[in-house]
Amino acid sequence: MSGGERKPVYTPDDLAGFDARRALGKPGEYPFTRGIHPTMYRGRLWTMRQFAGFGSAEDTNQRYKFLLEHGQTGLSVAFDFPTLMGYDSDHPRAEGEVGKCGVAISSLADMEDLFRGIPLDRVSTSMTINGPAAMLFCFYVAAAEKQGVSADKLRGTVQNDILKEYMAQHAWVYPVEPALKIIVDMFEWCAEHAPLWNTISISGYHIREAGATAAQELAFTLANGFTYVERGLARGLDVDAFAPRLSFFWDIHNDFFEEIAKLRAARRIWARHMKERYHAKQARSCMMRFHSQTAGVTLTAQQPMNNVVRVAYQALAAVLGGTQSLHTNSLDETLALPTEEAVRLALRTQQIIAHETGVAEVIDPLGGSYYVESLTDQLEREAEALFAEIQSVGGVVRGIESGWFQRQIARSAEAFQREVEAGRRVLVGVNDFLSEDDHPVEILKVSGDAEDSQRRRLARLRAERDGAPVAERLEALRRAAQADRNVLGPMLDCARAYCTLFEIRHALESVYGAYREPVFF
């Protein structure tokens, strides 16, 4: 799908000079091309997550319990758009969006309700949030404390990848430099207080969903990862103190073998750069651990049952590529948030792959394939060429500020769309193999009750909490930001005092300012 030529057949000639010992090694050993664990899925299956969240915290809490009862092994939180942007549910800019595309979380009280009855020392939780990521993490830590669970027992991931937001998804709060500073603050705080927590999920998913090719997703995501490493080193942190808790998040698109090769190349590139460029000494610093999600952008509103097939093949590619965690999209997600029936089928897809196909029994079964190894090498070369281009425009931050990344992604998206509209690329049920009797599917409808209840909850929270510590702790957070100190400790104190999401956002915004995207097109 990246536009490269494909031969009709691959032979040993395509791997001339290929050194299996150097390029592949063994599973669980540098350069980790064949996987990061010696036994891979023979020892432990990947974590099966379903991205879930809608309406109020109570609504989503019931969905989580449903998923856990049906065999899910990790929770993945989808937040509504006001929360993604750091707004309380009763903020004027939140009107009409509360609980619509995810769960509404405006304070510690909401986070407590979200995980009520779910022991946080026994589940792994992934939170897809970026601009206000540190704030939601602090709500989570404070909610765990209420359960009697200390931060050093918590396992999970907060996405916290602000660079790809400027490139692709656009859910930001602060300008680039202070946003990066908060991320490094989190690296530092978690290294001491929450050593099992993954402090960032460096995300190619949204770059790909915005229109990037596989090679661009690979290169832009890894370049972002290198930038985070460099910022941590600039802070004076030992690379081996924070790099083992960096994780990644990849999109699994339609081109089956390209996606498998992309994941294998990603592990190898990351390992080599961490060892040779950043002088990491621990093997865990060189291991790329990642979550995968099937490609939402490939789902179609037309003939939505076809999405079940697309998702199954994409999920299989993720497993053959060696993912540590996987979310399978539901067939109805192009139309609305998924129904319980659709979510169950998506989860069953993973369980069938795990327990019925036999693919989990052999580690990297495609290793040594003339085609897959050739494609892995090709994607690695393309990524390295893109790294050189990124350096030529001044690096990742300068590339964002100048709009270079945004333009590259937009051009790829436009080229793909032109191929679809011209009929040169077939989308089954969309521009070919059409059907007259395309029956609609049942979809989940989220009522407006969540917004009303959230407004009432916030009014009650503000009336009942002690206002003095709220003001004191927000002021302490402002002073920490002004003094360029680590803001995680003061932010956690704000969360414990039931300061709201927007109050915390605003306290930092008064120091850091707000990001406004320049016009690039």
Protein backbone atom coordinates (compact mmCIF):
# COMPACT_ATOMS: atom_id res chain seq x y z
CA MET A 1 0.00 0.00 0.00
CA SER A 2 3.02 2.30 0.31
CA GLY A 3 3.36 2.31 -3.46
CA GLY A 4 6.48 0.18 -3.83
CA GLU A 5 6.81 -2.39 -6.58
CA ARG A 6 6.09 -6.03 -5.74
CA LYS A 7 7.66 -8.87 -7.71
CA PRO A 8 5.47 -11.84 -8.62
CA VAL A 9 7.89 -14.20 -6.86
CA TYR A 10 10.81 -13.83 -4.43
CA THR A 11 13.93 -16.04 -4.42
CA PRO A 12 17.26 -16.27 -2.56
CA ASP A 13 18.57 -13.67 -5.01
CA ASP A 14 16.41 -11.08 -3.26
CA LEU A 15 18.35 -11.71 -0.04
CA ALA A 16 21.85 -11.50 -1.46
CA GLY A 17 24.21 -10.67 1.38
CA PHE A 18 21.51 -11.33 3.97
CA ASP A 19 23.10 -12.28 7.30
CA ALA A 20 20.45 -14.06 9.35
CA ARG A 21 22.54 -13.97 12.52
CA ARG A 22 22.91 -10.18 12.35
CA ALA A 23 19.51 -9.25 10.91
CA LEU A 24 17.37 -11.73 12.81
CA GLY A 25 19.11 -13.27 15.78
CA LYS A 26 16.94 -15.35 18.11
CA PRO A 27 13.59 -14.41 19.64
CA GLY A 28 14.17 -12.46 22.83
CA GLU A 29 17.65 -11.39 21.78
CA TYR A 30 19.10 -8.31 20.08
CA PRO A 31 18.04 -7.01 17.54
CA PHE A 32 14.62 -8.48 18.47
CA THR A 33 13.48 -8.77 14.85
CA ARG A 34 11.85 -12.11 15.70
CA GLY A 35 10.13 -10.88 18.87
CA ILE A 36 11.07 -9.51 22.29
CA HIS A 37 10.49 -12.70 24.32
CA PRO A 38 12.28 -16.04 23.86
CA THR A 39 9.00 -18.00 24.04
CA MET A 40 6.62 -15.29 22.72
CA TYR A 41 3.01 -16.58 22.78
CA ARG A 42 4.00 -20.08 23.88
CA GLY A 43 4.81 -18.50 27.23
CA ARG A 44 2.03 -15.93 27.38
CA LEU A 45 -0.57 -14.72 24.89
CA TRP A 46 -0.80 -11.08 23.93
CA THR A 47 -3.05 -8.88 26.10
CA MET A 48 -6.52 -8.69 24.59
CA ARG A 49 -7.89 -5.18 24.98
CA GLN A 50 -11.05 -3.55 23.69
CA PHE A 51 -10.98 0.25 23.52
CA ALA A 52 -14.11 1.23 25.43
CA GLY A 53 -15.78 4.27 26.89
CA PHE A 54 -19.04 6.15 26.45
CA GLY A 55 -21.46 8.28 28.43
CA SER A 56 -20.79 8.62 32.14
CA ALA A 57 -18.19 6.86 34.26
CA GLU A 58 -20.94 4.59 35.63
CA ASP A 59 -22.00 3.57 32.09
CA THR A 60 -18.46 2.69 31.11
CA ASN A 61 -17.79 0.89 34.40
CA GLN A 62 -20.56 -1.56 33.48
CA ARG A 63 -19.03 -2.09 30.00
CA TYR A 64 -15.63 -2.82 31.58
CA LYS A 65 -17.11 -5.42 33.88
CA PHE A 66 -18.89 -6.98 30.87
CA LEU A 67 -15.61 -7.17 28.94
CA LEU A 68 -13.66 -8.64 31.85
CA GLU A 69 -16.36 -11.28 32.35
CA HIS A 70 -16.04 -12.27 28.66
CA GLY A 71 -12.30 -12.88 28.76
CA GLN A 72 -10.68 -9.51 28.12
CA THR A 73 -7.35 -9.30 29.90
CA GLY A 74 -6.71 -5.56 29.94
CA LEU A 75 -8.75 -2.36 29.94
CA SER A 76 -8.37 0.42 27.40
CA VAL A 77 -10.06 3.76 28.13
CA ALA A 78 -11.63 5.88 25.39
CA PHE A 79 -12.28 9.43 26.57
CA ASP A 80 -14.82 11.86 25.12
CA PHE A 81 -13.62 14.84 23.12
CA PRO A 82 -13.93 17.45 25.92
CA THR A 83 -11.75 15.27 28.15
CA LEU A 84 -9.22 14.77 25.31
CA MET A 85 -8.90 18.56 25.11
CA GLY A 86 -8.77 19.17 28.87
CA TYR A 87 -12.27 20.64 29.27
CA ASP A 88 -14.70 19.87 32.08
CA SER A 89 -18.07 18.46 31.03
CA ASP A 90 -19.82 21.73 31.95
CA HIS A 91 -17.41 23.97 30.01
CA PRO A 92 -19.16 25.88 27.18
CA ARG A 93 -16.89 24.19 24.59
CA ALA A 94 -18.03 20.74 25.79
CA GLU A 95 -21.69 21.30 24.92
CA GLY A 96 -23.14 18.50 22.80
CA GLU A 97 -20.00 16.33 23.01
CA VAL A 98 -20.13 14.95 26.56
CA GLY A 99 -19.89 11.16 26.56
CA LYS A 100 -20.40 10.90 22.80
CA CYS A 101 -17.11 9.42 21.55
CA GLY A 102 -15.82 8.17 24.89
CA VAL A 103 -16.29 8.48 28.62
CA ALA A 104 -16.48 11.87 30.34
CA ILE A 105 -13.87 12.28 33.11
CA SER A 106 -13.68 15.69 34.77
CA SER A 107 -12.22 14.90 38.20
CA LEU A 108 -11.00 12.23 40.59
CA ALA A 109 -14.65 11.55 41.49
CA ASP A 110 -15.33 10.40 37.91
CA MET A 111 -12.17 8.26 37.86
CA GLU A 112 -13.23 6.60 41.12
CA ASP A 113 -16.61 5.73 39.57
CA LEU A 114 -14.98 4.51 36.35
CA PHE A 115 -13.04 1.80 38.21
CA ARG A 116 -15.42 1.09 41.08
CA GLY A 117 -15.30 -2.63 41.88
CA ILE A 118 -12.28 -3.16 39.58
CA PRO A 119 -9.08 -3.73 41.63
CA LEU A 120 -6.39 -1.58 40.07
CA ASP A 121 -3.57 -3.77 41.35
CA ARG A 122 -4.92 -6.68 39.29
CA VAL A 123 -5.70 -5.11 35.89
CA SER A 124 -3.56 -3.43 33.28
CA THR A 125 -5.10 -0.18 32.05
CA SER A 126 -4.33 1.73 28.87
CA MET A 127 -5.52 5.33 28.59
CA THR A 128 -5.71 6.96 25.17
CA ILE A 129 -5.12 10.58 26.09
CA ASN A 130 -2.39 13.02 25.05
CA GLY A 131 -2.70 16.78 25.66
CA PRO A 132 -3.91 16.40 29.28
CA ALA A 133 -2.39 12.91 29.72
CA ALA A 134 -0.51 13.72 32.92
CA MET A 135 -3.73 15.02 34.52
CA LEU A 136 -5.68 11.84 33.77
CA PHE A 137 -2.75 9.75 35.01
CA CYS A 138 -2.84 11.70 38.28
CA PHE A 139 -6.59 11.05 38.60
CA TYR A 140 -5.83 7.34 38.07
CA VAL A 141 -3.05 7.28 40.69
CA ALA A 142 -5.30 9.09 43.18
CA ALA A 143 -8.19 6.68 42.45
CA ALA A 144 -5.85 3.74 43.07
CA GLU A 145 -4.78 5.31 46.38
CA LYS A 146 -8.44 5.44 47.38
CA GLN A 147 -8.52 1.66 46.81
CA GLY A 148 -5.39 1.24 48.93
CA VAL A 149 -3.17 0.57 45.90
CA SER A 150 0.11 2.49 45.74
CA ALA A 151 1.55 3.88 42.50
CA ASP A 152 4.38 1.33 42.45
CA LYS A 153 1.79 -1.46 42.00
CA LEU A 154 0.06 0.08 38.98
CA ARG A 155 0.47 -1.50 35.53
CA GLY A 156 -0.61 0.05 32.28
CA THR A 157 0.08 2.78 29.76
CA VAL A 158 -0.89 6.36 29.16
CA GLN A 159 -0.54 7.36 25.50
CA ASN A 160 0.97 10.77 26.28
CA ASP A 161 2.44 11.17 22.75
CA ILE A 162 2.05 14.85 22.00
CA LEU A 163 4.31 14.98 18.93
CA LYS A 164 1.96 12.89 16.79
CA GLU A 165 -0.92 15.11 17.94
CA TYR A 166 0.73 18.10 16.27
CA MET A 167 1.40 15.93 13.21
CA ALA A 168 -1.90 14.14 12.81
CA GLN A 169 -4.64 13.99 15.46
CA HIS A 170 -4.75 17.57 16.79
CA ALA A 171 -5.85 16.94 20.41
CA TRP A 172 -3.32 19.28 22.00
CA VAL A 173 -3.37 21.79 24.87
CA TYR A 174 0.01 23.52 25.31
CA PRO A 175 2.72 24.68 22.88
CA VAL A 176 5.32 22.11 21.83
CA GLU A 177 8.13 22.86 24.27
CA PRO A 178 6.13 22.96 27.54
CA ALA A 179 4.17 19.91 26.39
CA LEU A 180 7.45 18.01 25.92
CA LYS A 181 8.63 19.25 29.31
CA ILE A 182 5.57 17.73 31.05
CA ILE A 183 6.21 14.40 29.31
CA VAL A 184 9.79 14.31 30.58
CA ASP A 185 8.49 15.27 34.04
CA MET A 186 6.38 12.12 33.86
CA PHE A 187 9.39 9.99 32.80
CA GLU A 188 11.23 11.30 35.86
CA TRP A 189 8.35 10.94 38.35
CA CYS A 190 7.36 7.44 37.25
CA ALA A 191 10.93 6.13 37.26
CA GLU A 192 10.88 6.77 41.02
CA HIS A 193 7.23 6.25 42.01
CA ALA A 194 5.54 4.07 39.34
CA PRO A 195 8.26 1.84 37.84
CA LEU A 196 5.79 -0.64 36.30
CA TRP A 197 3.86 2.03 34.41
CA ASN A 198 4.51 2.70 30.71
CA THR A 199 4.92 6.47 30.63
CA ILE A 200 4.26 6.91 26.92
CA SER A 201 2.85 4.98 23.98
CA ILE A 202 4.62 6.43 20.97
CA SER A 203 1.89 6.22 18.42
CA GLY A 204 2.05 5.52 14.72
CA TYR A 205 -1.63 4.63 14.74
CA HIS A 206 -2.97 8.15 14.32
CA ILE A 207 -0.28 9.10 11.83
CA ARG A 208 -1.40 6.18 9.65
CA GLU A 209 -5.09 6.90 10.17
CA ALA A 210 -4.48 10.45 8.94
CA GLY A 211 -3.22 9.09 5.62
CA ALA A 212 0.47 8.20 6.00
CA THR A 213 1.96 5.20 4.23
CA ALA A 214 3.41 2.27 6.17
CA ALA A 215 6.95 3.59 5.62
CA GLN A 216 5.95 7.07 6.84
CA GLU A 217 4.19 5.62 9.88
CA LEU A 218 7.32 3.64 10.69
CA ALA A 219 9.76 6.53 10.23
CA PHE A 220 7.73 9.37 11.74
CA THR A 221 6.82 7.33 14.82
CA LEU A 222 10.37 6.17 15.46
CA ALA A 223 11.67 9.71 14.92
CA ASN A 224 9.23 10.88 17.59
CA GLY A 225 10.52 8.13 19.88
CA PHE A 226 14.12 9.23 19.37
CA THR A 227 13.09 12.81 20.20
CA TYR A 228 11.57 11.72 23.52
CA VAL A 229 14.75 9.79 24.35
CA GLU A 230 16.87 12.85 23.57
CA ARG A 231 14.69 15.07 25.78
CA GLY A 232 15.05 12.60 28.65
CA LEU A 233 18.82 12.53 28.22
CA ALA A 234 18.91 16.34 28.08
CA ARG A 235 17.14 16.38 31.47
CA GLY A 236 20.05 14.36 32.83
CA LEU A 237 18.17 11.07 33.11
CA ASP A 238 20.02 7.80 32.59
CA VAL A 239 18.64 6.25 29.40
CA ASP A 240 18.27 2.89 31.17
CA ALA A 241 16.20 4.55 33.91
CA PHE A 242 13.34 5.54 31.59
CA ALA A 243 13.72 3.80 28.21
CA PRO A 244 12.43 0.40 29.44
CA ARG A 245 9.03 2.04 30.11
CA LEU A 246 8.66 3.54 26.63
CA SER A 247 6.13 1.64 24.53
CA PHE A 248 4.70 1.96 21.02
CA PHE A 249 1.33 1.76 19.31
CA TRP A 250 0.97 0.65 15.67
CA ASP A 251 -1.85 0.70 13.15
CA ILE A 252 -2.47 -2.65 11.43
CA HIS A 253 -3.71 -1.85 7.95
CA ASN A 254 -4.92 -3.99 5.05
CA ASP A 255 -1.68 -4.96 3.29
CA PHE A 256 -1.06 -8.19 5.21
CA PHE A 257 2.63 -8.80 4.59
CA GLU A 258 3.59 -5.12 4.62
CA GLU A 259 2.16 -4.78 8.12
CA ILE A 260 4.04 -7.85 9.41
CA ALA A 261 7.28 -6.57 7.87
CA LYS A 262 6.67 -3.10 9.36
CA LEU A 263 6.48 -4.49 12.89
CA ARG A 264 9.61 -6.61 12.43
CA ALA A 265 11.53 -3.66 10.97
CA ALA A 266 10.36 -1.38 13.80
CA ARG A 267 11.83 -3.65 16.47
CA ARG A 268 15.14 -3.93 14.66
CA ILE A 269 15.52 -0.19 13.99
CA TRP A 270 14.62 0.77 17.56
CA ALA A 271 17.06 -1.77 19.05
CA ARG A 272 19.92 -0.64 16.84
CA HIS A 273 19.45 3.08 17.51
CA MET A 274 19.00 2.59 21.26
CA LYS A 275 22.21 0.56 21.48
CA GLU A 276 24.45 2.34 19.01
CA ARG A 277 23.13 5.92 19.10
CA TYR A 278 21.92 6.32 22.69
CA HIS A 279 24.27 3.78 24.31
CA ALA A 280 21.59 1.89 26.23
CA LYS A 281 23.12 -0.94 28.21
CA GLN A 282 20.05 -2.83 29.38
CA ALA A 283 18.35 -5.20 26.95
CA ARG A 284 14.94 -3.88 28.05
CA SER A 285 15.91 -0.40 26.84
CA CYS A 286 16.38 -1.84 23.35
CA MET A 287 13.19 -3.91 23.32
CA MET A 288 10.29 -2.35 21.47
CA ARG A 289 7.11 -3.37 23.29
CA PHE A 290 3.95 -2.34 21.49
CA HIS A 291 0.19 -2.37 21.36
CA SER A 292 -1.58 -2.75 18.01
CA GLN A 293 -5.02 -1.84 16.79
CA THR A 294 -6.72 -2.86 13.60
CA ALA A 295 -7.14 0.04 11.20
CA GLY A 296 -10.27 2.05 11.89
CA VAL A 297 -9.78 3.99 8.67
CA THR A 298 -10.27 0.79 6.64
CA LEU A 299 -13.75 0.13 8.04
CA THR A 300 -16.62 0.96 5.71
CA ALA A 301 -20.17 2.11 6.35
CA GLN A 302 -21.20 0.25 3.19
CA GLN A 303 -21.63 -3.51 3.75
CA PRO A 304 -20.43 -3.25 7.37
CA MET A 305 -20.33 -7.04 7.82
CA ASN A 306 -17.28 -6.99 5.52
CA ASN A 307 -15.47 -5.25 8.37
CA VAL A 308 -15.47 -8.52 10.34
CA VAL A 309 -13.26 -10.05 7.63
CA ARG A 310 -10.98 -7.02 7.40
CA VAL A 311 -10.46 -6.96 11.16
CA ALA A 312 -9.73 -10.70 11.35
CA TYR A 313 -6.94 -10.51 8.77
CA GLN A 314 -5.49 -7.36 10.30
CA ALA A 315 -5.51 -9.00 13.74
CA LEU A 316 -3.74 -12.06 12.32
CA ALA A 317 -1.05 -9.78 10.83
CA ALA A 318 -0.54 -8.14 14.25
CA VAL A 319 -0.06 -11.54 15.88
CA LEU A 320 2.30 -12.79 13.18
CA GLY A 321 4.20 -9.52 13.59
CA GLY A 322 4.67 -10.16 17.32
CA THR A 323 2.42 -7.65 19.10
CA GLN A 324 2.25 -7.58 22.93
CA SER A 325 -1.28 -6.20 23.07
CA LEU A 326 -4.12 -5.97 20.57
CA HIS A 327 -7.43 -4.19 20.09
CA THR A 328 -9.74 -5.48 17.37
CA ASN A 329 -12.18 -2.92 15.99
CA SER A 330 -15.89 -3.72 15.95
CA LEU A 331 -17.80 -3.99 12.68
CA ASP A 332 -20.00 -0.98 13.48
CA GLU A 333 -17.32 1.52 14.56
CA THR A 334 -17.47 3.47 11.31
CA LEU A 335 -21.10 4.29 12.22
CA ALA A 336 -21.04 4.75 16.00
CA LEU A 337 -19.50 3.51 19.21
CA PRO A 338 -19.80 -0.29 19.17
CA THR A 339 -22.66 -2.28 20.64
CA GLU A 340 -21.96 -5.02 23.21
CA GLU A 341 -22.68 -7.68 20.57
CA ALA A 342 -20.19 -6.13 18.13
CA VAL A 343 -17.56 -5.81 20.86
CA ARG A 344 -18.03 -9.44 21.85
CA LEU A 345 -17.50 -10.56 18.23
CA ALA A 346 -14.35 -8.42 17.96
CA LEU A 347 -12.97 -10.00 21.14
CA ARG A 348 -13.92 -13.50 19.95
CA THR A 349 -11.87 -12.79 16.80
CA GLN A 350 -8.74 -12.52 18.93
CA GLN A 351 -9.66 -15.59 20.96
CA ILE A 352 -10.16 -17.69 17.80
CA ILE A 353 -6.74 -16.61 16.50
CA ALA A 354 -5.18 -17.43 19.88
CA HIS A 355 -6.82 -20.79 20.53
CA GLU A 356 -7.94 -22.26 17.19
CA THR A 357 -5.52 -21.30 14.40
CA GLY A 358 -2.26 -22.61 15.87
CA VAL A 359 -0.33 -19.42 14.97
CA ALA A 360 0.59 -18.78 18.60
CA GLU A 361 2.52 -22.04 18.81
CA VAL A 362 5.44 -21.02 16.56
CA ILE A 363 7.56 -17.92 17.09
CA ASP A 364 7.91 -15.66 14.03
CA PRO A 365 6.70 -18.34 11.59
CA LEU A 366 7.37 -16.07 8.60
CA GLY A 367 11.01 -15.50 9.56
CA GLY A 368 13.27 -16.53 6.68
CA SER A 369 10.60 -15.99 4.03
CA TYR A 370 12.26 -14.51 0.95
CA TYR A 371 9.40 -12.05 0.57
CA VAL A 372 8.95 -11.07 4.23
CA GLU A 373 12.67 -10.61 4.87
CA SER A 374 13.08 -8.62 1.65
CA LEU A 375 10.11 -6.42 2.57
CA THR A 376 11.40 -5.95 6.13
CA ASP A 377 14.76 -4.80 4.77
CA GLN A 378 13.07 -2.50 2.26
CA LEU A 379 10.94 -0.79 4.92
CA GLU A 380 14.01 -0.38 7.09
CA ARG A 381 15.86 1.34 4.23
CA GLU A 382 12.88 3.61 3.52
CA ALA A 383 12.65 4.56 7.19
CA GLU A 384 16.35 5.42 7.37
CA ALA A 385 16.00 7.60 4.25
CA LEU A 386 13.09 9.43 5.90
CA PHE A 387 15.15 9.93 9.08
CA ALA A 388 17.72 11.74 6.92
CA GLU A 389 14.96 13.93 5.43
CA ILE A 390 13.68 14.77 8.92
CA GLN A 391 17.18 15.83 9.97
CA SER A 392 17.47 17.97 6.85
CA VAL A 393 14.40 20.01 7.87
CA GLY A 394 15.79 20.55 11.38
CA GLY A 395 14.45 17.55 13.30
CA VAL A 396 11.01 16.58 14.57
CA VAL A 397 10.05 19.75 16.45
CA ARG A 398 11.18 22.04 13.63
CA GLY A 399 9.43 19.76 11.11
CA ILE A 400 6.16 20.14 13.06
CA GLU A 401 6.52 23.89 13.42
CA SER A 402 7.17 24.30 9.69
CA GLY A 403 4.32 21.95 8.70
CA TRP A 404 6.65 19.48 6.95
CA PHE A 405 5.13 16.39 8.58
CA GLN A 406 1.58 17.63 8.09
CA ARG A 407 2.17 18.18 4.38
CA GLN A 408 3.81 14.78 3.89
CA ILE A 409 0.85 12.99 5.49
CA ALA A 410 -1.69 15.07 3.56
CA ARG A 411 -0.02 14.29 0.23
CA SER A 412 -0.12 10.55 0.93
CA ALA A 413 -3.77 10.75 1.98
CA GLU A 414 -4.66 12.66 -1.18
CA ALA A 415 -2.83 10.18 -3.41
CA PHE A 416 -4.69 7.26 -1.83
CA GLN A 417 -8.07 8.98 -2.18
CA ARG A 418 -7.41 9.78 -5.84
CA GLU A 419 -6.65 6.11 -6.52
CA VAL A 420 -9.91 5.08 -4.87
CA GLU A 421 -11.99 7.64 -6.75
CA ALA A 422 -10.36 6.69 -10.06
CA GLY A 423 -11.04 3.01 -9.41
CA ARG A 424 -7.35 2.09 -9.47
CA ARG A 425 -7.64 0.80 -5.89
CA VAL A 426 -10.59 -1.44 -5.06
CA LEU A 427 -12.50 -1.02 -1.81
CA VAL A 428 -14.94 -3.91 -1.63
CA GLY A 429 -18.50 -2.68 -1.26
CA VAL A 430 -17.49 0.96 -1.78
CA ASN A 431 -16.27 1.37 -5.37
CA ASP A 432 -16.67 -2.24 -6.55
CA PHE A 433 -18.69 -5.36 -5.69
CA LEU A 434 -21.62 -3.16 -4.74
CA SER A 435 -24.89 -4.56 -3.40
CA GLU A 436 -28.47 -3.40 -3.71
CA ASP A 437 -29.55 -5.03 -0.43
CA ASP A 438 -27.03 -3.52 1.96
CA HIS A 439 -28.85 -4.00 5.27
CA PRO A 440 -28.07 -1.53 8.08
CA VAL A 441 -26.81 -2.86 11.41
CA GLU A 442 -27.99 -1.98 14.90
CA ILE A 443 -25.90 0.83 16.35
CA LEU A 444 -25.36 2.17 19.85
CA LYS A 445 -27.07 5.48 20.56
CA VAL A 446 -25.62 7.56 23.39
CA SER A 447 -28.28 9.75 24.97
CA GLY A 448 -27.80 13.30 26.17
CA ASP A 449 -28.36 12.19 29.76
CA ALA A 450 -24.62 11.96 30.38
CA GLU A 451 -24.15 15.68 29.82
CA ASP A 452 -26.98 16.60 32.21
CA SER A 453 -25.75 14.21 34.90
CA GLN A 454 -22.16 15.40 34.52
CA ARG A 455 -23.23 19.02 34.98
CA ARG A 456 -25.08 18.09 38.16
CA ARG A 457 -22.15 16.03 39.43
CA LEU A 458 -19.68 18.85 38.86
CA ALA A 459 -21.94 21.40 40.55
CA ARG A 460 -22.25 19.08 43.57
CA LEU A 461 -18.49 18.42 43.61
CA ARG A 462 -17.65 22.12 43.66
CA ALA A 463 -20.21 22.76 46.40
CA GLU A 464 -19.08 19.91 48.66
CA ARG A 465 -15.28 19.96 48.33
CA ASP A 466 -13.07 22.09 50.58
CA GLY A 467 -12.24 25.18 48.52
CA ALA A 468 -9.16 26.22 50.49
CA PRO A 469 -6.90 23.27 49.55
CA VAL A 470 -8.18 23.47 45.97
CA ALA A 471 -6.95 27.05 45.63
CA GLU A 472 -3.70 26.31 47.49
CA ARG A 473 -2.79 23.31 45.38
CA LEU A 474 -3.61 24.99 42.08
CA GLU A 475 -1.38 27.88 43.12
CA ALA A 476 1.40 25.42 44.07
CA LEU A 477 1.09 23.86 40.60
CA ARG A 478 1.39 27.29 38.98
CA ARG A 479 4.49 28.09 41.05
CA ALA A 480 6.10 24.77 40.09
CA ALA A 481 5.51 25.54 36.41
CA GLN A 482 6.88 29.07 36.77
CA ALA A 483 9.98 27.76 38.52
CA ASP A 484 10.48 25.08 35.82
CA ARG A 485 10.20 22.29 38.40
CA ASN A 486 8.67 18.86 37.87
CA VAL A 487 4.90 19.41 37.89
CA LEU A 488 3.77 15.78 38.46
CA GLY A 489 3.86 15.92 42.28
CA PRO A 490 1.90 19.19 42.54
CA MET A 491 -0.51 17.95 39.85
CA LEU A 492 -1.18 14.77 41.83
CA ASP A 493 -1.87 16.91 44.89
CA CYS A 494 -4.44 18.82 42.82
CA ALA A 495 -6.10 15.56 41.80
CA ARG A 496 -6.27 14.38 45.43
CA ALA A 497 -8.01 17.65 46.38
CA TYR A 498 -10.67 17.07 43.67
CA CYS A 499 -9.51 19.91 41.47
CA THR A 500 -11.22 19.48 38.09
CA LEU A 501 -9.55 18.72 34.79
CA PHE A 502 -10.04 22.22 33.38
CA GLU A 503 -8.89 23.87 36.61
CA ILE A 504 -5.59 21.98 36.35
CA ARG A 505 -5.34 22.68 32.62
CA HIS A 506 -6.00 26.39 33.21
CA ALA A 507 -3.43 26.66 36.02
CA LEU A 508 -0.69 25.46 33.67
CA GLU A 509 -2.07 27.38 30.70
CA SER A 510 -1.63 30.61 32.68
CA VAL A 511 2.11 29.86 32.64
CA TYR A 512 2.66 27.91 29.42
CA GLY A 513 0.05 29.45 27.13
CA ALA A 514 -2.09 27.50 24.61
CA TYR A 515 -1.08 26.02 21.26
CA ARG A 516 -2.49 27.55 18.10
CA GLU A 517 -1.67 25.69 14.90
CA PRO A 518 -0.17 27.84 12.13
CA VAL A 519 -1.73 27.65 8.67
CA PHE A 520 0.36 25.32 6.52
CA PHE A 521 -1.81 24.73 3.44
